[in-house]
Amino acid sequence: RVPDMPVKGEGVERLQQVLHVPRHT
């Protein structure tokens, strides 16, 4: 299992912008 831990700090906003991907990708 991938540890379910939040990302903190810089870069979060940019990551959220690029995470629009199809399901099951």
PDB file of all heavy atoms in Angstrom:
ATOM      1  N   ARG A   1       0.843  -1.191   0.000  1.00  0.00           N
ATOM      2  CA  ARG A   1       0.000   0.000   0.000  1.00  0.00           C
ATOM      3  C   ARG A   1       0.883   1.247   0.000  1.00  0.00           C
ATOM      4  O   ARG A   1       1.899   1.313   0.683  1.00  0.00           O
ATOM      5  CB  ARG A   1      -0.887  -0.025   1.248  1.00  0.00           C
ATOM      6  CG  ARG A   1      -1.495   1.301   1.639  1.00  0.00           C
ATOM      7  CD  ARG A   1      -2.116   1.207   3.013  1.00  0.00           C
ATOM      8  NE  ARG A   1      -2.268   2.538   3.612  1.00  0.00           N
ATOM      9  CZ  ARG A   1      -1.326   3.147   4.305  1.00  0.00           C
ATOM     10  NH1 ARG A   1      -0.163   2.549   4.513  1.00  0.00           N
ATOM     11  NH2 ARG A   1      -1.543   4.350   4.811  1.00  0.00           N
ATOM     12  N   VAL A   2       0.480   2.234  -0.799  1.00  0.00           N
ATOM     13  CA  VAL A   2       1.204   3.499  -0.810  1.00  0.00           C
ATOM     14  C   VAL A   2       0.839   4.279   0.448  1.00  0.00           C
ATOM     15  O   VAL A   2      -0.342   4.496   0.704  1.00  0.00           O
ATOM     16  CB  VAL A   2       0.842   4.329  -2.054  1.00  0.00           C
ATOM     17  CG1 VAL A   2       1.542   5.682  -2.014  1.00  0.00           C
ATOM     18  CG2 VAL A   2       1.219   3.576  -3.313  1.00  0.00           C
ATOM     19  N   PRO A   3       1.815   4.691   1.252  1.00  0.00           N
ATOM     20  CA  PRO A   3       1.487   5.471   2.451  1.00  0.00           C
ATOM     21  C   PRO A   3       0.670   6.690   2.088  1.00  0.00           C
ATOM     22  O   PRO A   3       1.021   7.452   1.193  1.00  0.00           O
ATOM     23  CB  PRO A   3       2.871   5.857   3.004  1.00  0.00           C
ATOM     24  CG  PRO A   3       3.784   4.797   2.485  1.00  0.00           C
ATOM     25  CD  PRO A   3       3.255   4.444   1.130  1.00  0.00           C
ATOM     26  N   ASP A   4      -0.414   6.887   2.777  1.00  0.00           N
ATOM     27  CA  ASP A   4      -1.355   7.960   2.473  1.00  0.00           C
ATOM     28  C   ASP A   4      -0.985   9.179   3.301  1.00  0.00           C
ATOM     29  O   ASP A   4      -1.531   9.416   4.366  1.00  0.00           O
ATOM     30  CB  ASP A   4      -2.779   7.496   2.780  1.00  0.00           C
ATOM     31  CG  ASP A   4      -3.832   8.494   2.325  1.00  0.00           C
ATOM     32  OD1 ASP A   4      -3.432   9.543   1.778  1.00  0.00           O
ATOM     33  OD2 ASP A   4      -5.017   8.243   2.519  1.00  0.00           O
ATOM     34  N   MET A   5      -0.018   9.954   2.788  1.00  0.00           N
ATOM     35  CA  MET A   5       0.458  11.116   3.531  1.00  0.00           C
ATOM     36  C   MET A   5       0.347  12.350   2.650  1.00  0.00           C
ATOM     37  O   MET A   5       0.601  12.290   1.452  1.00  0.00           O
ATOM     38  CB  MET A   5       1.907  10.915   3.977  1.00  0.00           C
ATOM     39  CG  MET A   5       2.097   9.721   4.887  1.00  0.00           C
ATOM     40  SD  MET A   5       3.766   9.592   5.518  1.00  0.00           S
ATOM     41  CE  MET A   5       3.798  10.984   6.650  1.00  0.00           C
ATOM     42  N   PRO A   6      -0.025  13.489   3.220  1.00  0.00           N
ATOM     43  CA  PRO A   6      -0.221  14.692   2.406  1.00  0.00           C
ATOM     44  C   PRO A   6       1.091  15.335   2.006  1.00  0.00           C
ATOM     45  O   PRO A   6       2.066  15.317   2.744  1.00  0.00           O
ATOM     46  CB  PRO A   6      -1.009  15.609   3.346  1.00  0.00           C
ATOM     47  CG  PRO A   6      -0.559  15.193   4.709  1.00  0.00           C
ATOM     48  CD  PRO A   6      -0.331  13.699   4.628  1.00  0.00           C
ATOM     49  N   VAL A   7       1.115  15.891   0.807  1.00  0.00           N
ATOM     50  CA  VAL A   7       2.236  16.704   0.370  1.00  0.00           C
ATOM     51  C   VAL A   7       2.109  18.083   0.998  1.00  0.00           C
ATOM     52  O   VAL A   7       1.033  18.669   0.996  1.00  0.00           O
ATOM     53  CB  VAL A   7       2.258  16.820  -1.167  1.00  0.00           C
ATOM     54  CG1 VAL A   7       3.240  17.905  -1.604  1.00  0.00           C
ATOM     55  CG2 VAL A   7       2.640  15.490  -1.774  1.00  0.00           C
ATOM     56  N   LYS A   8       3.196  18.588   1.526  1.00  0.00           N
ATOM     57  CA  LYS A   8       3.190  19.911   2.131  1.00  0.00           C
ATOM     58  C   LYS A   8       4.285  20.766   1.488  1.00  0.00           C
ATOM     59  O   LYS A   8       5.248  20.259   0.948  1.00  0.00           O
ATOM     60  CB  LYS A   8       3.410  19.806   3.643  1.00  0.00           C
ATOM     61  CG  LYS A   8       2.342  19.006   4.377  1.00  0.00           C
ATOM     62  CD  LYS A   8       2.639  18.928   5.852  1.00  0.00           C
ATOM     63  CE  LYS A   8       1.577  18.119   6.580  1.00  0.00           C
ATOM     64  NZ  LYS A   8       1.870  17.989   8.038  1.00  0.00           N
ATOM     65  N   GLY A   9       4.113  22.046   1.572  1.00  0.00           N
ATOM     66  CA  GLY A   9       5.146  22.939   1.071  1.00  0.00           C
ATOM     67  C   GLY A   9       4.881  23.415  -0.335  1.00  0.00           C
ATOM     68  O   GLY A   9       3.779  23.323  -0.865  1.00  0.00           O
ATOM     69  N   GLU A  10       5.931  23.941  -0.969  1.00  0.00           N
ATOM     70  CA  GLU A  10       5.805  24.518  -2.297  1.00  0.00           C
ATOM     71  C   GLU A  10       5.532  23.437  -3.342  1.00  0.00           C
ATOM     72  O   GLU A  10       5.895  22.292  -3.195  1.00  0.00           O
ATOM     73  CB  GLU A  10       7.096  25.256  -2.660  1.00  0.00           C
ATOM     74  CG  GLU A  10       7.408  26.429  -1.731  1.00  0.00           C
ATOM     75  CD  GLU A  10       8.709  27.108  -2.097  1.00  0.00           C
ATOM     76  OE1 GLU A  10       9.424  26.580  -2.951  1.00  0.00           O
ATOM     77  OE2 GLU A  10       9.000  28.152  -1.504  1.00  0.00           O
ATOM     78  N   GLY A  11       4.913  23.841  -4.418  1.00  0.00           N
ATOM     79  CA  GLY A  11       4.686  22.930  -5.526  1.00  0.00           C
ATOM     80  C   GLY A  11       3.342  22.252  -5.527  1.00  0.00           C
ATOM     81  O   GLY A  11       2.964  21.629  -6.521  1.00  0.00           O
ATOM     82  N   VAL A  12       2.583  22.350  -4.437  1.00  0.00           N
ATOM     83  CA  VAL A  12       1.305  21.661  -4.354  1.00  0.00           C
ATOM     84  C   VAL A  12       0.321  22.212  -5.386  1.00  0.00           C
ATOM     85  O   VAL A  12      -0.372  21.452  -6.073  1.00  0.00           O
ATOM     86  CB  VAL A  12       0.711  21.768  -2.936  1.00  0.00           C
ATOM     87  CG1 VAL A  12      -0.677  21.150  -2.894  1.00  0.00           C
ATOM     88  CG2 VAL A  12       1.628  21.088  -1.932  1.00  0.00           C
ATOM     89  N   GLU A  13       0.264  23.535  -5.511  1.00  0.00           N
ATOM     90  CA  GLU A  13      -0.689  24.134  -6.446  1.00  0.00           C
ATOM     91  C   GLU A  13      -0.401  23.681  -7.876  1.00  0.00           C
ATOM     92  O   GLU A  13      -1.314  23.358  -8.637  1.00  0.00           O
ATOM     93  CB  GLU A  13      -0.623  25.654  -6.353  1.00  0.00           C
ATOM     94  CG  GLU A  13      -1.635  26.358  -7.260  1.00  0.00           C
ATOM     95  CD  GLU A  13      -1.609  27.860  -7.093  1.00  0.00           C
ATOM     96  OE1 GLU A  13      -0.890  28.329  -6.191  1.00  0.00           O
ATOM     97  OE2 GLU A  13      -2.282  28.558  -7.864  1.00  0.00           O
ATOM     98  N   ARG A  14       0.876  23.662  -8.236  1.00  0.00           N
ATOM     99  CA  ARG A  14       1.240  23.236  -9.589  1.00  0.00           C
ATOM    100  C   ARG A  14       0.867  21.774  -9.808  1.00  0.00           C
ATOM    101  O   ARG A  14       0.346  21.398 -10.866  1.00  0.00           O
ATOM    102  CB  ARG A  14       2.740  23.443  -9.808  1.00  0.00           C
ATOM    103  CG  ARG A  14       3.281  22.871 -11.117  1.00  0.00           C
ATOM    104  CD  ARG A  14       2.597  23.492 -12.312  1.00  0.00           C
ATOM    105  NE  ARG A  14       3.090  22.901 -13.558  1.00  0.00           N
ATOM    106  CZ  ARG A  14       2.411  22.905 -14.683  1.00  0.00           C
ATOM    107  NH1 ARG A  14       1.216  23.458 -14.733  1.00  0.00           N
ATOM    108  NH2 ARG A  14       2.929  22.367 -15.767  1.00  0.00           N
ATOM    109  N   LEU A  15       1.101  20.939  -8.824  1.00  0.00           N
ATOM    110  CA  LEU A  15       0.770  19.524  -8.950  1.00  0.00           C
ATOM    111  C   LEU A  15      -0.726  19.339  -9.127  1.00  0.00           C
ATOM    112  O   LEU A  15      -1.180  18.515  -9.928  1.00  0.00           O
ATOM    113  CB  LEU A  15       1.255  18.758  -7.717  1.00  0.00           C
ATOM    114  CG  LEU A  15       2.759  18.535  -7.637  1.00  0.00           C
ATOM    115  CD1 LEU A  15       3.129  17.973  -6.278  1.00  0.00           C
ATOM    116  CD2 LEU A  15       3.214  17.587  -8.732  1.00  0.00           C
ATOM    117  N   GLN A  16      -1.509  20.106  -8.400  1.00  0.00           N
ATOM    118  CA  GLN A  16      -2.956  19.987  -8.521  1.00  0.00           C
ATOM    119  C   GLN A  16      -3.427  20.363  -9.921  1.00  0.00           C
ATOM    120  O   GLN A  16      -4.383  19.808 -10.442  1.00  0.00           O
ATOM    121  CB  GLN A  16      -3.636  20.861  -7.473  1.00  0.00           C
ATOM    122  CG  GLN A  16      -3.436  20.363  -6.048  1.00  0.00           C
ATOM    123  CD  GLN A  16      -3.994  21.312  -5.003  1.00  0.00           C
ATOM    124  OE1 GLN A  16      -4.119  22.505  -5.261  1.00  0.00           O
ATOM    125  NE2 GLN A  16      -4.314  20.795  -3.845  1.00  0.00           N
ATOM    126  N   GLN A  17      -2.716  21.303 -10.563  1.00  0.00           N
ATOM    127  CA  GLN A  17      -3.106  21.729 -11.900  1.00  0.00           C
ATOM    128  C   GLN A  17      -2.866  20.648 -12.949  1.00  0.00           C
ATOM    129  O   GLN A  17      -3.584  20.576 -13.942  1.00  0.00           O
ATOM    130  CB  GLN A  17      -2.344  23.001 -12.284  1.00  0.00           C
ATOM    131  CG  GLN A  17      -2.728  24.228 -11.455  1.00  0.00           C
ATOM    132  CD  GLN A  17      -1.848  25.415 -11.765  1.00  0.00           C
ATOM    133  OE1 GLN A  17      -0.907  25.324 -12.542  1.00  0.00           O
ATOM    134  NE2 GLN A  17      -2.154  26.541 -11.124  1.00  0.00           N
ATOM    135  N   VAL A  18      -1.844  19.819 -12.746  1.00  0.00           N
ATOM    136  CA  VAL A  18      -1.497  18.840 -13.785  1.00  0.00           C
ATOM    137  C   VAL A  18      -2.119  17.473 -13.541  1.00  0.00           C
ATOM    138  O   VAL A  18      -1.914  16.558 -14.328  1.00  0.00           O
ATOM    139  CB  VAL A  18       0.041  18.681 -13.900  1.00  0.00           C
ATOM    140  CG1 VAL A  18       0.676  20.004 -14.239  1.00  0.00           C
ATOM    141  CG2 VAL A  18       0.628  18.101 -12.617  1.00  0.00           C
ATOM    142  N   LEU A  19      -2.891  17.329 -12.464  1.00  0.00           N
ATOM    143  CA  LEU A  19      -3.415  16.008 -12.126  1.00  0.00           C
ATOM    144  C   LEU A  19      -4.785  15.721 -12.735  1.00  0.00           C
ATOM    145  O   LEU A  19      -5.509  14.882 -12.234  1.00  0.00           O
ATOM    146  CB  LEU A  19      -3.483  15.842 -10.603  1.00  0.00           C
ATOM    147  CG  LEU A  19      -2.135  15.657  -9.932  1.00  0.00           C
ATOM    148  CD1 LEU A  19      -2.309  15.510  -8.430  1.00  0.00           C
ATOM    149  CD2 LEU A  19      -1.414  14.455 -10.482  1.00  0.00           C
ATOM    150  N   HIS A  20      -5.146  16.399 -13.793  1.00  0.00           N
ATOM    151  CA  HIS A  20      -6.420  16.131 -14.450  1.00  0.00           C
ATOM    152  C   HIS A  20      -6.182  15.059 -15.509  1.00  0.00           C
ATOM    153  O   HIS A  20      -5.872  15.351 -16.660  1.00  0.00           O
ATOM    154  CB  HIS A  20      -6.985  17.403 -15.071  1.00  0.00           C
ATOM    155  CG  HIS A  20      -7.273  18.465 -14.058  1.00  0.00           C
ATOM    156  ND1 HIS A  20      -8.249  18.331 -13.098  1.00  0.00           N
ATOM    157  CD2 HIS A  20      -6.693  19.662 -13.831  1.00  0.00           C
ATOM    158  CE1 HIS A  20      -8.277  19.408 -12.333  1.00  0.00           C
ATOM    159  NE2 HIS A  20      -7.335  20.225 -12.758  1.00  0.00           N
ATOM    160  N   VAL A  21      -6.313  13.817 -15.107  1.00  0.00           N
ATOM    161  CA  VAL A  21      -6.015  12.688 -16.001  1.00  0.00           C
ATOM    162  C   VAL A  21      -7.217  11.765 -16.059  1.00  0.00           C
ATOM    163  O   VAL A  21      -8.069  11.771 -15.176  1.00  0.00           O
ATOM    164  CB  VAL A  21      -4.784  11.911 -15.495  1.00  0.00           C
ATOM    165  CG1 VAL A  21      -3.558  12.782 -15.514  1.00  0.00           C
ATOM    166  CG2 VAL A  21      -5.025  11.365 -14.096  1.00  0.00           C
ATOM    167  N   PRO A  22      -7.306  10.947 -17.105  1.00  0.00           N
ATOM    168  CA  PRO A  22      -8.434  10.014 -17.210  1.00  0.00           C
ATOM    169  C   PRO A  22      -8.417   8.994 -16.084  1.00  0.00           C
ATOM    170  O   PRO A  22      -7.380   8.689 -15.507  1.00  0.00           O
ATOM    171  CB  PRO A  22      -8.211   9.335 -18.570  1.00  0.00           C
ATOM    172  CG  PRO A  22      -7.277  10.243 -19.306  1.00  0.00           C
ATOM    173  CD  PRO A  22      -6.432  10.880 -18.274  1.00  0.00           C
ATOM    174  N   ARG A  23      -9.565   8.454 -15.790  1.00  0.00           N
ATOM    175  CA  ARG A  23      -9.645   7.397 -14.786  1.00  0.00           C
ATOM    176  C   ARG A  23      -8.817   6.200 -15.237  1.00  0.00           C
ATOM    177  O   ARG A  23      -8.713   5.915 -16.429  1.00  0.00           O
ATOM    178  CB  ARG A  23     -11.093   6.960 -14.584  1.00  0.00           C
ATOM    179  CG  ARG A  23     -11.935   8.012 -13.860  1.00  0.00           C
ATOM    180  CD  ARG A  23     -13.380   7.611 -13.846  1.00  0.00           C
ATOM    181  NE  ARG A  23     -14.199   8.611 -13.163  1.00  0.00           N
ATOM    182  CZ  ARG A  23     -15.511   8.675 -13.239  1.00  0.00           C
ATOM    183  NH1 ARG A  23     -16.165   7.791 -13.966  1.00  0.00           N
ATOM    184  NH2 ARG A  23     -16.177   9.606 -12.603  1.00  0.00           N
ATOM    185  N   HIS A  24      -8.271   5.518 -14.253  1.00  0.00           N
ATOM    186  CA  HIS A  24      -7.487   4.314 -14.460  1.00  0.00           C
ATOM    187  C   HIS A  24      -6.113   4.593 -15.060  1.00  0.00           C
ATOM    188  O   HIS A  24      -5.395   3.675 -15.374  1.00  0.00           O
ATOM    189  CB  HIS A  24      -8.213   3.283 -15.337  1.00  0.00           C
ATOM    190  CG  HIS A  24      -9.572   2.933 -14.848  1.00  0.00           C
ATOM    191  ND1 HIS A  24      -9.796   2.452 -13.592  1.00  0.00           N
ATOM    192  CD2 HIS A  24     -10.782   3.027 -15.439  1.00  0.00           C
ATOM    193  CE1 HIS A  24     -11.093   2.250 -13.436  1.00  0.00           C
ATOM    194  NE2 HIS A  24     -11.705   2.595 -14.539  1.00  0.00           N
ATOM    195  N   THR A  25      -5.768   5.849 -15.236  1.00  0.00           N
ATOM    196  CA  THR A  25      -4.421   6.159 -15.696  1.00  0.00           C
ATOM    197  C   THR A  25      -3.482   6.098 -14.499  1.00  0.00           C
ATOM    198  O   THR A  25      -3.719   6.736 -13.485  1.00  0.00           O
ATOM    199  CB  THR A  25      -4.356   7.556 -16.335  1.00  0.00           C
ATOM    200  OG1 THR A  25      -5.213   7.586 -17.469  1.00  0.00           O
ATOM    201  CG2 THR A  25      -2.941   7.881 -16.772  1.00  0.00           C
TER     202      THR A  25
END
